[in-house]
Amino acid sequence: MIKRLLKSWNPALYQGPSTNANRDYFEGWYYKLVDHRQIDRLAVIPGIRLSRNKSNSHSFIQILDGNSHSSFNFRYPVSDFKVNRSKFELQIADNSFSLNEIDLNIDAESAAFKGRLTFEKSIPWPRSLQSPNSMGWYAYMPFMECYHSVLSMNHSVYGTISCNDRSMDFADGKGYLEKDWGRSFPSSYLWIQTNHFENENDASIFVSIATIPWLSKSFRGFIIGLLLRGTLHRFATYTGAAIRELMTDGSEFSFIVSDKNHELHINGSKKSSALLAAPYESDMATRIAESLNSRIEITFNQHIPGGSKTLYIGSANPAAVEIQGNIDELMC
């Protein structure tokens, strides 16, 4: 129990069992990187998949290229997965990852990715005893299908990455970092993230709305964070916020989320995407389509006596979007 509490308090750390455990488990860290021109966009996802079927167990690095709308899944033996148990330092073969940098040395038949990126001025999700990470008190529940944590809402990126003969300069770029771990991804979900709002250079948003198994039933749970002018506004199932008028056809989407102080309207459209492998049951066979080229629009209001006051109206492009599974479940 104490070990679980300590891990919940340090979500960047590897949360899983020993790599020879005989059970289904996955863990992955998601780095999103956008250059200052907003032309080069990458998602880099190192992780591990353990399975009762040992032939399915492996470590991996997935890379999504938003410029070419292509994706790559580099698979490694479990033995290549090395973690520091006291602080977040991860190594997969000749590649290393931490809160402050990425070092890629991939030379495969499908593609070669090489280079080093460093991160500065990270903005982590606030934590407290009642809410150790972005999942709130749900982070302490031992039977969740999937756990999620935002490690940095926004940070500066420096360095270069080459893909084959193409060089990507991320100096003065922007980054985002989150992670997932557990048994399986949710059966259905809507996920949005962007750091690129017009006229608000340091604004960011993260949205996760998903079908959550709970004992013998399920419910629609959500976590939403809007970082605006130095303040992180949190809307979540565990904060007492509520979502209404959620609509999506798998491409277009819109909804309203509100609590006693604020109301946030979001709408947008998912654009060109590429496929990533996702953990379901005991393998990584399911494919999800993620876009790094989408657009969203928001209106953020404050409740005041007799009405509301608009604090911000704007759009963001590029935005990352995933819409997965039975979308009718999300709209219930």
C-alpha atoms as a PDB file:
ATOM      1  CA  MET A   1       0.000   0.000   0.000  1.00  0.00           C
ATOM      2  CA  ILE A   2       2.777   2.453   0.942  1.00  0.00           C
ATOM      3  CA  LYS A   3       4.621   1.641  -2.274  1.00  0.00           C
ATOM      4  CA  ARG A   4       1.444   2.318  -4.306  1.00  0.00           C
ATOM      5  CA  LEU A   5       0.957   5.682  -2.566  1.00  0.00           C
ATOM      6  CA  LEU A   6       4.550   6.691  -3.256  1.00  0.00           C
ATOM      7  CA  LYS A   7       4.228   5.751  -6.918  1.00  0.00           C
ATOM      8  CA  SER A   8       0.957   7.688  -7.237  1.00  0.00           C
ATOM      9  CA  TRP A   9       2.777  10.716  -5.827  1.00  0.00           C
ATOM     10  CA  ASN A  10       5.551  10.316  -8.452  1.00  0.00           C
ATOM     11  CA  PRO A  11       3.664   9.363 -11.619  1.00  0.00           C
ATOM     12  CA  ALA A  12       6.627   9.938 -13.957  1.00  0.00           C
ATOM     13  CA  LEU A  13       8.339   6.913 -12.415  1.00  0.00           C
ATOM     14  CA  TYR A  14       7.845   3.434 -13.831  1.00  0.00           C
ATOM     15  CA  GLN A  15       4.681   2.222 -12.113  1.00  0.00           C
ATOM     16  CA  GLY A  16       4.729  -1.399 -13.218  1.00  0.00           C
ATOM     17  CA  PRO A  17       5.837  -4.799 -11.975  1.00  0.00           C
ATOM     18  CA  SER A  18       9.143  -6.468 -12.704  1.00  0.00           C
ATOM     19  CA  THR A  19       9.580  -7.034 -16.411  1.00  0.00           C
ATOM     20  CA  ASN A  20       9.268 -10.816 -16.033  1.00  0.00           C
ATOM     21  CA  ALA A  21       5.832 -10.555 -14.387  1.00  0.00           C
ATOM     22  CA  ASN A  22       3.252 -13.030 -15.647  1.00  0.00           C
ATOM     23  CA  ARG A  23       0.392 -10.598 -16.209  1.00  0.00           C
ATOM     24  CA  ASP A  24      -0.945  -8.157 -18.769  1.00  0.00           C
ATOM     25  CA  TYR A  25       0.448  -4.678 -18.273  1.00  0.00           C
ATOM     26  CA  PHE A  26       1.476  -1.657 -20.317  1.00  0.00           C
ATOM     27  CA  GLU A  27       3.142   1.664 -19.619  1.00  0.00           C
ATOM     28  CA  GLY A  28       3.970   4.448 -22.040  1.00  0.00           C
ATOM     29  CA  TRP A  29       5.250   8.027 -21.914  1.00  0.00           C
ATOM     30  CA  TYR A  30       3.936  10.432 -24.560  1.00  0.00           C
ATOM     31  CA  TYR A  31       6.146  13.323 -25.708  1.00  0.00           C
ATOM     32  CA  LYS A  32       4.530  15.827 -28.072  1.00  0.00           C
ATOM     33  CA  LEU A  33       6.917  18.185 -29.884  1.00  0.00           C
ATOM     34  CA  VAL A  34       6.155  21.133 -32.174  1.00  0.00           C
ATOM     35  CA  ASP A  35       8.761  23.431 -33.695  1.00  0.00           C
ATOM     36  CA  HIS A  36       8.483  27.224 -33.439  1.00  0.00           C
ATOM     37  CA  ARG A  37       7.177  27.469 -37.024  1.00  0.00           C
ATOM     38  CA  GLN A  38       4.528  24.842 -36.244  1.00  0.00           C
ATOM     39  CA  ILE A  39       5.631  22.855 -39.301  1.00  0.00           C
ATOM     40  CA  ASP A  40       7.478  19.916 -37.770  1.00  0.00           C
ATOM     41  CA  ARG A  41       5.301  18.001 -35.301  1.00  0.00           C
ATOM     42  CA  LEU A  42       6.287  14.743 -33.626  1.00  0.00           C
ATOM     43  CA  ALA A  43       4.843  12.450 -31.003  1.00  0.00           C
ATOM     44  CA  VAL A  44       7.444  10.132 -29.460  1.00  0.00           C
ATOM     45  CA  ILE A  45       6.137   7.288 -27.279  1.00  0.00           C
ATOM     46  CA  PRO A  46       8.534   4.961 -25.450  1.00  0.00           C
ATOM     47  CA  GLY A  47       7.013   2.159 -23.412  1.00  0.00           C
ATOM     48  CA  ILE A  48       6.619  -1.483 -22.514  1.00  0.00           C
ATOM     49  CA  ARG A  49       3.966  -4.156 -23.035  1.00  0.00           C
ATOM     50  CA  LEU A  50       4.003  -7.193 -20.743  1.00  0.00           C
ATOM     51  CA  SER A  51       1.735 -10.133 -21.515  1.00  0.00           C
ATOM     52  CA  ARG A  52       0.799 -13.482 -20.066  1.00  0.00           C
ATOM     53  CA  ASN A  53       1.571 -14.643 -23.583  1.00  0.00           C
ATOM     54  CA  LYS A  54       5.329 -14.061 -23.409  1.00  0.00           C
ATOM     55  CA  SER A  55       5.656 -13.850 -27.179  1.00  0.00           C
ATOM     56  CA  ASN A  56       3.667 -10.592 -27.035  1.00  0.00           C
ATOM     57  CA  SER A  57       5.873  -8.993 -24.376  1.00  0.00           C
ATOM     58  CA  HIS A  58       8.167  -6.289 -25.714  1.00  0.00           C
ATOM     59  CA  SER A  59       9.363  -2.732 -25.266  1.00  0.00           C
ATOM     60  CA  PHE A  60       8.786  -0.156 -27.981  1.00  0.00           C
ATOM     61  CA  ILE A  61       9.291   3.344 -29.308  1.00  0.00           C
ATOM     62  CA  GLN A  62       6.522   4.714 -31.493  1.00  0.00           C
ATOM     63  CA  ILE A  63       6.952   7.920 -33.490  1.00  0.00           C
ATOM     64  CA  LEU A  64       4.168   9.852 -35.189  1.00  0.00           C
ATOM     65  CA  ASP A  65       5.236  12.412 -37.802  1.00  0.00           C
ATOM     66  CA  GLY A  66       2.552  15.061 -38.228  1.00  0.00           C
ATOM     67  CA  ASN A  67       4.306  16.602 -41.214  1.00  0.00           C
ATOM     68  CA  SER A  68       4.282  13.480 -43.385  1.00  0.00           C
ATOM     69  CA  HIS A  69       1.211  11.913 -41.663  1.00  0.00           C
ATOM     70  CA  SER A  70       3.205   8.738 -41.090  1.00  0.00           C
ATOM     71  CA  SER A  71       3.950   6.585 -38.058  1.00  0.00           C
ATOM     72  CA  PHE A  72       6.666   4.141 -37.036  1.00  0.00           C
ATOM     73  CA  ASN A  73       6.625   1.386 -34.433  1.00  0.00           C
ATOM     74  CA  PHE A  74      10.081   0.212 -33.377  1.00  0.00           C
ATOM     75  CA  ARG A  75       9.872  -2.966 -31.310  1.00  0.00           C
ATOM     76  CA  TYR A  76      12.585  -4.113 -28.885  1.00  0.00           C
ATOM     77  CA  PRO A  77      13.052  -7.021 -26.484  1.00  0.00           C
ATOM     78  CA  VAL A  78      11.869  -6.524 -22.911  1.00  0.00           C
ATOM     79  CA  SER A  79      15.510  -6.872 -21.854  1.00  0.00           C
ATOM     80  CA  ASP A  80      16.275  -3.562 -23.640  1.00  0.00           C
ATOM     81  CA  PHE A  81      13.901  -1.715 -21.291  1.00  0.00           C
ATOM     82  CA  LYS A  82      15.863  -0.182 -18.386  1.00  0.00           C
ATOM     83  CA  VAL A  83      14.386   2.144 -15.755  1.00  0.00           C
ATOM     84  CA  ASN A  84      15.644   4.007 -12.739  1.00  0.00           C
ATOM     85  CA  ARG A  85      13.274   3.192  -9.848  1.00  0.00           C
ATOM     86  CA  SER A  86      14.071   6.356  -7.883  1.00  0.00           C
ATOM     87  CA  LYS A  87      13.718   8.990 -10.614  1.00  0.00           C
ATOM     88  CA  PHE A  88      12.377   9.050 -14.140  1.00  0.00           C
ATOM     89  CA  GLU A  89      15.183   7.864 -16.371  1.00  0.00           C
ATOM     90  CA  LEU A  90      14.286   5.368 -19.074  1.00  0.00           C
ATOM     91  CA  GLN A  91      16.497   3.646 -21.596  1.00  0.00           C
ATOM     92  CA  ILE A  92      15.366   1.454 -24.498  1.00  0.00           C
ATOM     93  CA  ALA A  93      18.346   0.067 -26.402  1.00  0.00           C
ATOM     94  CA  ASP A  94      20.440   3.133 -27.360  1.00  0.00           C
ATOM     95  CA  ASN A  95      17.622   5.628 -26.705  1.00  0.00           C
ATOM     96  CA  SER A  96      17.093   7.520 -23.466  1.00  0.00           C
ATOM     97  CA  PHE A  97      14.204   9.522 -22.016  1.00  0.00           C
ATOM     98  CA  SER A  98      13.621  11.695 -18.957  1.00  0.00           C
ATOM     99  CA  LEU A  99      11.594  14.705 -17.830  1.00  0.00           C
ATOM    100  CA  ASN A 100      14.251  17.009 -19.261  1.00  0.00           C
ATOM    101  CA  GLU A 101      15.461  15.375 -22.470  1.00  0.00           C
ATOM    102  CA  ILE A 102      15.138  12.808 -25.237  1.00  0.00           C
ATOM    103  CA  ASP A 103      18.084  11.151 -26.972  1.00  0.00           C
ATOM    104  CA  LEU A 104      17.154   9.125 -30.062  1.00  0.00           C
ATOM    105  CA  ASN A 105      19.480   6.685 -31.832  1.00  0.00           C
ATOM    106  CA  ILE A 106      17.174   4.603 -34.019  1.00  0.00           C
ATOM    107  CA  ASP A 107      18.566   3.043 -37.165  1.00  0.00           C
ATOM    108  CA  ALA A 108      15.974   0.639 -38.547  1.00  0.00           C
ATOM    109  CA  GLU A 109      15.047  -0.590 -41.996  1.00  0.00           C
ATOM    110  CA  SER A 110      11.866   1.519 -42.034  1.00  0.00           C
ATOM    111  CA  ALA A 111      13.470   4.775 -40.815  1.00  0.00           C
ATOM    112  CA  ALA A 112      16.325   6.324 -38.871  1.00  0.00           C
ATOM    113  CA  PHE A 113      15.676   8.875 -36.117  1.00  0.00           C
ATOM    114  CA  LYS A 114      18.648  10.499 -34.442  1.00  0.00           C
ATOM    115  CA  GLY A 115      19.141  13.548 -32.263  1.00  0.00           C
ATOM    116  CA  ARG A 116      18.792  15.066 -28.835  1.00  0.00           C
ATOM    117  CA  LEU A 117      16.138  17.410 -27.441  1.00  0.00           C
ATOM    118  CA  THR A 118      16.154  19.208 -24.101  1.00  0.00           C
ATOM    119  CA  PHE A 119      13.193  20.694 -22.237  1.00  0.00           C
ATOM    120  CA  GLU A 120      12.981  23.759 -20.020  1.00  0.00           C
ATOM    121  CA  LYS A 121      10.329  25.567 -17.958  1.00  0.00           C
ATOM    122  CA  SER A 122       8.060  22.555 -17.534  1.00  0.00           C
ATOM    123  CA  ILE A 123       4.626  23.181 -16.056  1.00  0.00           C
ATOM    124  CA  PRO A 124       3.542  20.069 -14.130  1.00  0.00           C
ATOM    125  CA  TRP A 125      -0.003  19.268 -13.084  1.00  0.00           C
ATOM    126  CA  PRO A 126      -0.452  20.461  -9.466  1.00  0.00           C
ATOM    127  CA  ARG A 127      -0.574  17.762  -6.822  1.00  0.00           C
ATOM    128  CA  SER A 128      -1.841  17.405  -3.279  1.00  0.00           C
ATOM    129  CA  LEU A 129      -2.497  14.568  -0.876  1.00  0.00           C
ATOM    130  CA  GLN A 130      -6.109  14.396  -2.071  1.00  0.00           C
ATOM    131  CA  SER A 131      -5.060  14.692  -5.733  1.00  0.00           C
ATOM    132  CA  PRO A 132      -1.556  13.249  -6.294  1.00  0.00           C
ATOM    133  CA  ASN A 133      -1.737  13.606 -10.061  1.00  0.00           C
ATOM    134  CA  SER A 134      -4.205  14.551 -12.796  1.00  0.00           C
ATOM    135  CA  MET A 135      -6.488  11.593 -11.937  1.00  0.00           C
ATOM    136  CA  GLY A 136      -7.346  13.075  -8.546  1.00  0.00           C
ATOM    137  CA  TRP A 137      -8.326  10.561  -5.873  1.00  0.00           C
ATOM    138  CA  TYR A 138      -8.918   7.923  -8.580  1.00  0.00           C
ATOM    139  CA  ALA A 139      -5.120   7.612  -8.704  1.00  0.00           C
ATOM    140  CA  TYR A 140      -5.295   5.692  -5.414  1.00  0.00           C
ATOM    141  CA  MET A 141      -7.820   3.117  -6.657  1.00  0.00           C
ATOM    142  CA  PRO A 142      -6.077  -0.277  -7.170  1.00  0.00           C
ATOM    143  CA  PHE A 143      -8.476  -1.709  -9.751  1.00  0.00           C
ATOM    144  CA  MET A 144      -8.533   0.920 -12.531  1.00  0.00           C
ATOM    145  CA  GLU A 145      -8.194  -0.380 -16.094  1.00  0.00           C
ATOM    146  CA  CYS A 146      -6.005   2.550 -17.131  1.00  0.00           C
ATOM    147  CA  TYR A 147      -4.206   5.289 -15.212  1.00  0.00           C
ATOM    148  CA  HIS A 148      -3.258   8.633 -16.719  1.00  0.00           C
ATOM    149  CA  SER A 149      -1.030  11.504 -15.632  1.00  0.00           C
ATOM    150  CA  VAL A 150      -0.071  14.832 -17.186  1.00  0.00           C
ATOM    151  CA  LEU A 151       3.623  15.387 -16.447  1.00  0.00           C
ATOM    152  CA  SER A 152       4.026  18.762 -18.179  1.00  0.00           C
ATOM    153  CA  MET A 153       1.259  20.891 -19.669  1.00  0.00           C
ATOM    154  CA  ASN A 154       3.757  23.028 -21.554  1.00  0.00           C
ATOM    155  CA  HIS A 155       7.515  23.467 -21.825  1.00  0.00           C
ATOM    156  CA  SER A 156      10.170  24.883 -24.138  1.00  0.00           C
ATOM    157  CA  VAL A 157      12.011  22.529 -26.496  1.00  0.00           C
ATOM    158  CA  TYR A 158      15.550  22.862 -27.870  1.00  0.00           C
ATOM    159  CA  GLY A 159      17.607  20.659 -30.166  1.00  0.00           C
ATOM    160  CA  THR A 160      17.310  18.812 -33.449  1.00  0.00           C
ATOM    161  CA  ILE A 161      16.005  15.459 -34.624  1.00  0.00           C
ATOM    162  CA  SER A 162      16.803  13.948 -38.006  1.00  0.00           C
ATOM    163  CA  CYS A 163      14.560  11.521 -39.829  1.00  0.00           C
ATOM    164  CA  ASN A 164      16.604   9.850 -42.560  1.00  0.00           C
ATOM    165  CA  ASP A 165      17.954  12.835 -44.540  1.00  0.00           C
ATOM    166  CA  ARG A 166      15.506  15.389 -43.123  1.00  0.00           C
ATOM    167  CA  SER A 167      16.551  17.574 -40.182  1.00  0.00           C
ATOM    168  CA  MET A 168      13.957  19.053 -37.806  1.00  0.00           C
ATOM    169  CA  ASP A 169      15.026  22.052 -35.727  1.00  0.00           C
ATOM    170  CA  PHE A 170      12.948  22.322 -32.552  1.00  0.00           C
ATOM    171  CA  ALA A 171      14.769  25.339 -31.072  1.00  0.00           C
ATOM    172  CA  ASP A 172      12.232  27.547 -29.262  1.00  0.00           C
ATOM    173  CA  GLY A 173       9.575  24.914 -29.878  1.00  0.00           C
ATOM    174  CA  LYS A 174       6.890  23.729 -27.485  1.00  0.00           C
ATOM    175  CA  GLY A 175       6.360  20.387 -25.829  1.00  0.00           C
ATOM    176  CA  TYR A 176       3.868  18.414 -23.771  1.00  0.00           C
ATOM    177  CA  LEU A 177       4.377  15.230 -21.729  1.00  0.00           C
ATOM    178  CA  GLU A 178       1.908  12.700 -20.315  1.00  0.00           C
ATOM    179  CA  LYS A 179       1.789   8.976 -19.614  1.00  0.00           C
ATOM    180  CA  ASP A 180      -0.617   6.022 -19.366  1.00  0.00           C
ATOM    181  CA  TRP A 181      -0.299   2.687 -17.590  1.00  0.00           C
ATOM    182  CA  GLY A 182      -2.452  -0.249 -16.589  1.00  0.00           C
ATOM    183  CA  ARG A 183      -4.077  -3.233 -18.284  1.00  0.00           C
ATOM    184  CA  SER A 184      -5.706  -1.690 -21.353  1.00  0.00           C
ATOM    185  CA  PHE A 185      -6.748   1.565 -22.994  1.00  0.00           C
ATOM    186  CA  PRO A 186     -10.411   2.594 -22.531  1.00  0.00           C
ATOM    187  CA  SER A 187     -12.864   1.105 -25.017  1.00  0.00           C
ATOM    188  CA  SER A 188     -13.872   4.584 -26.178  1.00  0.00           C
ATOM    189  CA  TYR A 189     -12.423   8.045 -25.628  1.00  0.00           C
ATOM    190  CA  LEU A 190     -11.899  11.574 -26.932  1.00  0.00           C
ATOM    191  CA  TRP A 191      -8.455  13.089 -26.335  1.00  0.00           C
ATOM    192  CA  ILE A 192      -7.284  16.595 -27.250  1.00  0.00           C
ATOM    193  CA  GLN A 193      -4.085  18.525 -26.570  1.00  0.00           C
ATOM    194  CA  THR A 194      -2.548  21.733 -27.869  1.00  0.00           C
ATOM    195  CA  ASN A 195      -0.140  24.481 -26.782  1.00  0.00           C
ATOM    196  CA  HIS A 196      -0.824  26.722 -29.767  1.00  0.00           C
ATOM    197  CA  PHE A 197      -3.613  29.210 -29.076  1.00  0.00           C
ATOM    198  CA  GLU A 198      -3.725  32.428 -31.019  1.00  0.00           C
ATOM    199  CA  ASN A 199      -2.740  35.534 -29.041  1.00  0.00           C
ATOM    200  CA  GLU A 200      -1.984  33.447 -25.917  1.00  0.00           C
ATOM    201  CA  ASN A 201       1.572  32.194 -26.264  1.00  0.00           C
ATOM    202  CA  ASP A 202       1.637  30.237 -23.003  1.00  0.00           C
ATOM    203  CA  ALA A 203      -1.886  28.781 -23.103  1.00  0.00           C
ATOM    204  CA  SER A 204      -2.442  25.010 -23.208  1.00  0.00           C
ATOM    205  CA  ILE A 205      -5.328  22.590 -23.025  1.00  0.00           C
ATOM    206  CA  PHE A 206      -5.609  18.895 -22.310  1.00  0.00           C
ATOM    207  CA  VAL A 207      -8.863  16.915 -22.633  1.00  0.00           C
ATOM    208  CA  SER A 208      -9.540  13.262 -21.860  1.00  0.00           C
ATOM    209  CA  ILE A 209     -13.112  11.939 -21.921  1.00  0.00           C
ATOM    210  CA  ALA A 210     -13.405   8.166 -21.685  1.00  0.00           C
ATOM    211  CA  THR A 211     -15.573   5.198 -20.805  1.00  0.00           C
ATOM    212  CA  ILE A 212     -14.298   4.025 -17.411  1.00  0.00           C
ATOM    213  CA  PRO A 213     -15.019   0.487 -16.123  1.00  0.00           C
ATOM    214  CA  TRP A 214     -16.036   0.661 -12.471  1.00  0.00           C
ATOM    215  CA  LEU A 215     -16.674  -2.589 -10.614  1.00  0.00           C
ATOM    216  CA  SER A 216     -19.429  -4.306 -12.654  1.00  0.00           C
ATOM    217  CA  LYS A 217     -20.494  -1.133 -14.498  1.00  0.00           C
ATOM    218  CA  SER A 218     -18.940   1.797 -16.322  1.00  0.00           C
ATOM    219  CA  PHE A 219     -19.278   5.563 -16.451  1.00  0.00           C
ATOM    220  CA  ARG A 220     -18.137   8.493 -18.588  1.00  0.00           C
ATOM    221  CA  GLY A 221     -15.187  10.041 -16.802  1.00  0.00           C
ATOM    222  CA  PHE A 222     -13.165  13.068 -17.793  1.00  0.00           C
ATOM    223  CA  ILE A 223     -10.145  15.200 -16.963  1.00  0.00           C
ATOM    224  CA  ILE A 224      -9.733  18.632 -18.573  1.00  0.00           C
ATOM    225  CA  GLY A 225      -7.056  21.218 -17.868  1.00  0.00           C
ATOM    226  CA  LEU A 226      -6.935  24.713 -19.375  1.00  0.00           C
ATOM    227  CA  LEU A 227      -3.725  26.610 -18.681  1.00  0.00           C
ATOM    228  CA  LEU A 228      -4.450  30.275 -19.296  1.00  0.00           C
ATOM    229  CA  ARG A 229      -2.384  33.290 -18.185  1.00  0.00           C
ATOM    230  CA  GLY A 230      -0.506  31.305 -15.581  1.00  0.00           C
ATOM    231  CA  THR A 231      -3.522  29.588 -13.998  1.00  0.00           C
ATOM    232  CA  LEU A 232      -4.512  25.967 -14.535  1.00  0.00           C
ATOM    233  CA  HIS A 233      -8.295  25.628 -14.555  1.00  0.00           C
ATOM    234  CA  ARG A 234      -9.254  22.016 -13.799  1.00  0.00           C
ATOM    235  CA  PHE A 235     -12.521  20.352 -14.756  1.00  0.00           C
ATOM    236  CA  ALA A 236     -12.862  16.680 -13.844  1.00  0.00           C
ATOM    237  CA  THR A 237     -15.245  14.019 -12.646  1.00  0.00           C
ATOM    238  CA  TYR A 238     -13.561  14.221  -9.247  1.00  0.00           C
ATOM    239  CA  THR A 239     -13.899  18.049  -9.015  1.00  0.00           C
ATOM    240  CA  GLY A 240     -17.670  17.967  -9.454  1.00  0.00           C
ATOM    241  CA  ALA A 241     -17.637  19.462 -12.946  1.00  0.00           C
ATOM    242  CA  ALA A 242     -20.178  18.300 -15.544  1.00  0.00           C
ATOM    243  CA  ILE A 243     -20.136  17.781 -19.309  1.00  0.00           C
ATOM    244  CA  ARG A 244     -23.183  18.410 -21.458  1.00  0.00           C
ATOM    245  CA  GLU A 245     -24.063  18.523 -25.152  1.00  0.00           C
ATOM    246  CA  LEU A 246     -21.185  16.264 -26.144  1.00  0.00           C
ATOM    247  CA  MET A 247     -21.479  15.484 -29.843  1.00  0.00           C
ATOM    248  CA  THR A 248     -19.054  13.800 -32.227  1.00  0.00           C
ATOM    249  CA  ASP A 249     -19.284  11.928 -35.496  1.00  0.00           C
ATOM    250  CA  GLY A 250     -15.718  10.655 -35.254  1.00  0.00           C
ATOM    251  CA  SER A 251     -14.365  13.760 -36.952  1.00  0.00           C
ATOM    252  CA  GLU A 252     -16.190  16.880 -35.764  1.00  0.00           C
ATOM    253  CA  PHE A 253     -16.743  17.296 -32.034  1.00  0.00           C
ATOM    254  CA  SER A 254     -18.205  19.783 -29.567  1.00  0.00           C
ATOM    255  CA  PHE A 255     -19.132  19.897 -25.890  1.00  0.00           C
ATOM    256  CA  ILE A 256     -19.514  22.160 -22.861  1.00  0.00           C
ATOM    257  CA  VAL A 257     -17.945  21.544 -19.459  1.00  0.00           C
ATOM    258  CA  SER A 258     -18.729  23.634 -16.406  1.00  0.00           C
ATOM    259  CA  ASP A 259     -18.323  23.902 -12.653  1.00  0.00           C
ATOM    260  CA  LYS A 260     -19.510  26.451 -10.096  1.00  0.00           C
ATOM    261  CA  ASN A 261     -16.987  29.069 -11.268  1.00  0.00           C
ATOM    262  CA  HIS A 262     -16.417  28.630 -15.005  1.00  0.00           C
ATOM    263  CA  GLU A 263     -17.784  27.222 -18.252  1.00  0.00           C
ATOM    264  CA  LEU A 264     -15.704  26.027 -21.174  1.00  0.00           C
ATOM    265  CA  HIS A 265     -17.072  25.515 -24.710  1.00  0.00           C
ATOM    266  CA  ILE A 266     -14.931  23.399 -27.054  1.00  0.00           C
ATOM    267  CA  ASN A 267     -15.477  22.464 -30.666  1.00  0.00           C
ATOM    268  CA  GLY A 268     -13.187  21.333 -33.431  1.00  0.00           C
ATOM    269  CA  SER A 269     -12.402  18.891 -36.167  1.00  0.00           C
ATOM    270  CA  LYS A 270      -9.954  16.053 -36.516  1.00  0.00           C
ATOM    271  CA  LYS A 271      -7.771  16.332 -39.611  1.00  0.00           C
ATOM    272  CA  SER A 272      -5.243  14.018 -41.298  1.00  0.00           C
ATOM    273  CA  SER A 273      -3.929  11.300 -39.000  1.00  0.00           C
ATOM    274  CA  ALA A 274      -1.639   8.287 -38.770  1.00  0.00           C
ATOM    275  CA  LEU A 275      -1.990   4.984 -36.934  1.00  0.00           C
ATOM    276  CA  LEU A 276      -0.453   4.058 -33.593  1.00  0.00           C
ATOM    277  CA  ALA A 277      -0.476   0.711 -31.820  1.00  0.00           C
ATOM    278  CA  ALA A 278      -2.513   0.708 -28.609  1.00  0.00           C
ATOM    279  CA  PRO A 279      -2.689  -1.720 -25.662  1.00  0.00           C
ATOM    280  CA  TYR A 280      -5.868  -3.758 -25.538  1.00  0.00           C
ATOM    281  CA  GLU A 281      -6.206  -7.014 -23.617  1.00  0.00           C
ATOM    282  CA  SER A 282      -2.853  -8.815 -23.938  1.00  0.00           C
ATOM    283  CA  ASP A 283      -1.310  -7.261 -27.054  1.00  0.00           C
ATOM    284  CA  MET A 284      -0.678  -4.020 -28.957  1.00  0.00           C
ATOM    285  CA  ALA A 285      -2.617  -5.102 -32.019  1.00  0.00           C
ATOM    286  CA  THR A 286      -5.310  -2.414 -32.036  1.00  0.00           C
ATOM    287  CA  ARG A 287      -4.649   0.650 -34.158  1.00  0.00           C
ATOM    288  CA  ILE A 288      -5.731   4.150 -33.188  1.00  0.00           C
ATOM    289  CA  ALA A 289      -5.681   7.151 -35.499  1.00  0.00           C
ATOM    290  CA  GLU A 290      -4.062  10.240 -34.034  1.00  0.00           C
ATOM    291  CA  SER A 291      -3.918  13.628 -35.713  1.00  0.00           C
ATOM    292  CA  LEU A 292      -1.255  16.226 -34.952  1.00  0.00           C
ATOM    293  CA  ASN A 293      -2.803  18.634 -37.469  1.00  0.00           C
ATOM    294  CA  SER A 294      -6.260  19.375 -36.095  1.00  0.00           C
ATOM    295  CA  ARG A 295      -7.930  22.609 -35.018  1.00  0.00           C
ATOM    296  CA  ILE A 296     -10.035  23.501 -32.005  1.00  0.00           C
ATOM    297  CA  GLU A 297     -11.949  26.582 -30.864  1.00  0.00           C
ATOM    298  CA  ILE A 298     -12.786  27.461 -27.285  1.00  0.00           C
ATOM    299  CA  THR A 299     -14.826  29.988 -25.350  1.00  0.00           C
ATOM    300  CA  PHE A 300     -13.980  30.320 -21.665  1.00  0.00           C
ATOM    301  CA  ASN A 301     -16.495  32.074 -19.423  1.00  0.00           C
ATOM    302  CA  GLN A 302     -16.617  33.009 -15.760  1.00  0.00           C
ATOM    303  CA  HIS A 303     -19.911  32.799 -13.906  1.00  0.00           C
ATOM    304  CA  ILE A 304     -20.958  36.135 -12.422  1.00  0.00           C
ATOM    305  CA  PRO A 305     -24.199  37.205 -10.725  1.00  0.00           C
ATOM    306  CA  GLY A 306     -26.909  37.326 -13.351  1.00  0.00           C
ATOM    307  CA  GLY A 307     -24.861  35.880 -16.189  1.00  0.00           C
ATOM    308  CA  SER A 308     -21.316  35.239 -17.366  1.00  0.00           C
ATOM    309  CA  LYS A 309     -18.155  37.082 -18.329  1.00  0.00           C
ATOM    310  CA  THR A 310     -16.080  35.924 -21.291  1.00  0.00           C
ATOM    311  CA  LEU A 311     -12.418  35.529 -20.339  1.00  0.00           C
ATOM    312  CA  TYR A 312     -11.104  34.170 -23.632  1.00  0.00           C
ATOM    313  CA  ILE A 313     -12.269  33.254 -27.125  1.00  0.00           C
ATOM    314  CA  GLY A 314      -9.801  31.752 -29.543  1.00  0.00           C
ATOM    315  CA  SER A 315      -8.640  28.906 -31.703  1.00  0.00           C
ATOM    316  CA  ALA A 316      -5.634  26.626 -31.653  1.00  0.00           C
ATOM    317  CA  ASN A 317      -3.789  25.064 -34.551  1.00  0.00           C
ATOM    318  CA  PRO A 318      -2.100  22.609 -34.629  1.00  0.00           C
ATOM    319  CA  ALA A 319      -3.894  20.435 -32.088  1.00  0.00           C
ATOM    320  CA  ALA A 320      -3.533  16.725 -31.384  1.00  0.00           C
ATOM    321  CA  VAL A 321      -6.781  14.730 -31.437  1.00  0.00           C
ATOM    322  CA  GLU A 322      -7.807  11.101 -30.988  1.00  0.00           C
ATOM    323  CA  ILE A 323     -11.392   9.832 -31.210  1.00  0.00           C
ATOM    324  CA  GLN A 324     -11.540   6.123 -30.548  1.00  0.00           C
ATOM    325  CA  GLY A 325     -14.051   3.309 -30.084  1.00  0.00           C
ATOM    326  CA  ASN A 326     -17.823   3.405 -29.661  1.00  0.00           C
ATOM    327  CA  ILE A 327     -18.499   7.137 -29.733  1.00  0.00           C
ATOM    328  CA  ASP A 328     -22.143   6.563 -28.769  1.00  0.00           C
ATOM    329  CA  GLU A 329     -20.836   5.583 -25.303  1.00  0.00           C
ATOM    330  CA  LEU A 330     -19.238   9.010 -24.922  1.00  0.00           C
ATOM    331  CA  MET A 331     -22.363  10.908 -25.898  1.00  0.00           C
ATOM    332  CA  CYS A 332     -24.591   9.194 -23.313  1.00  0.00           C
END
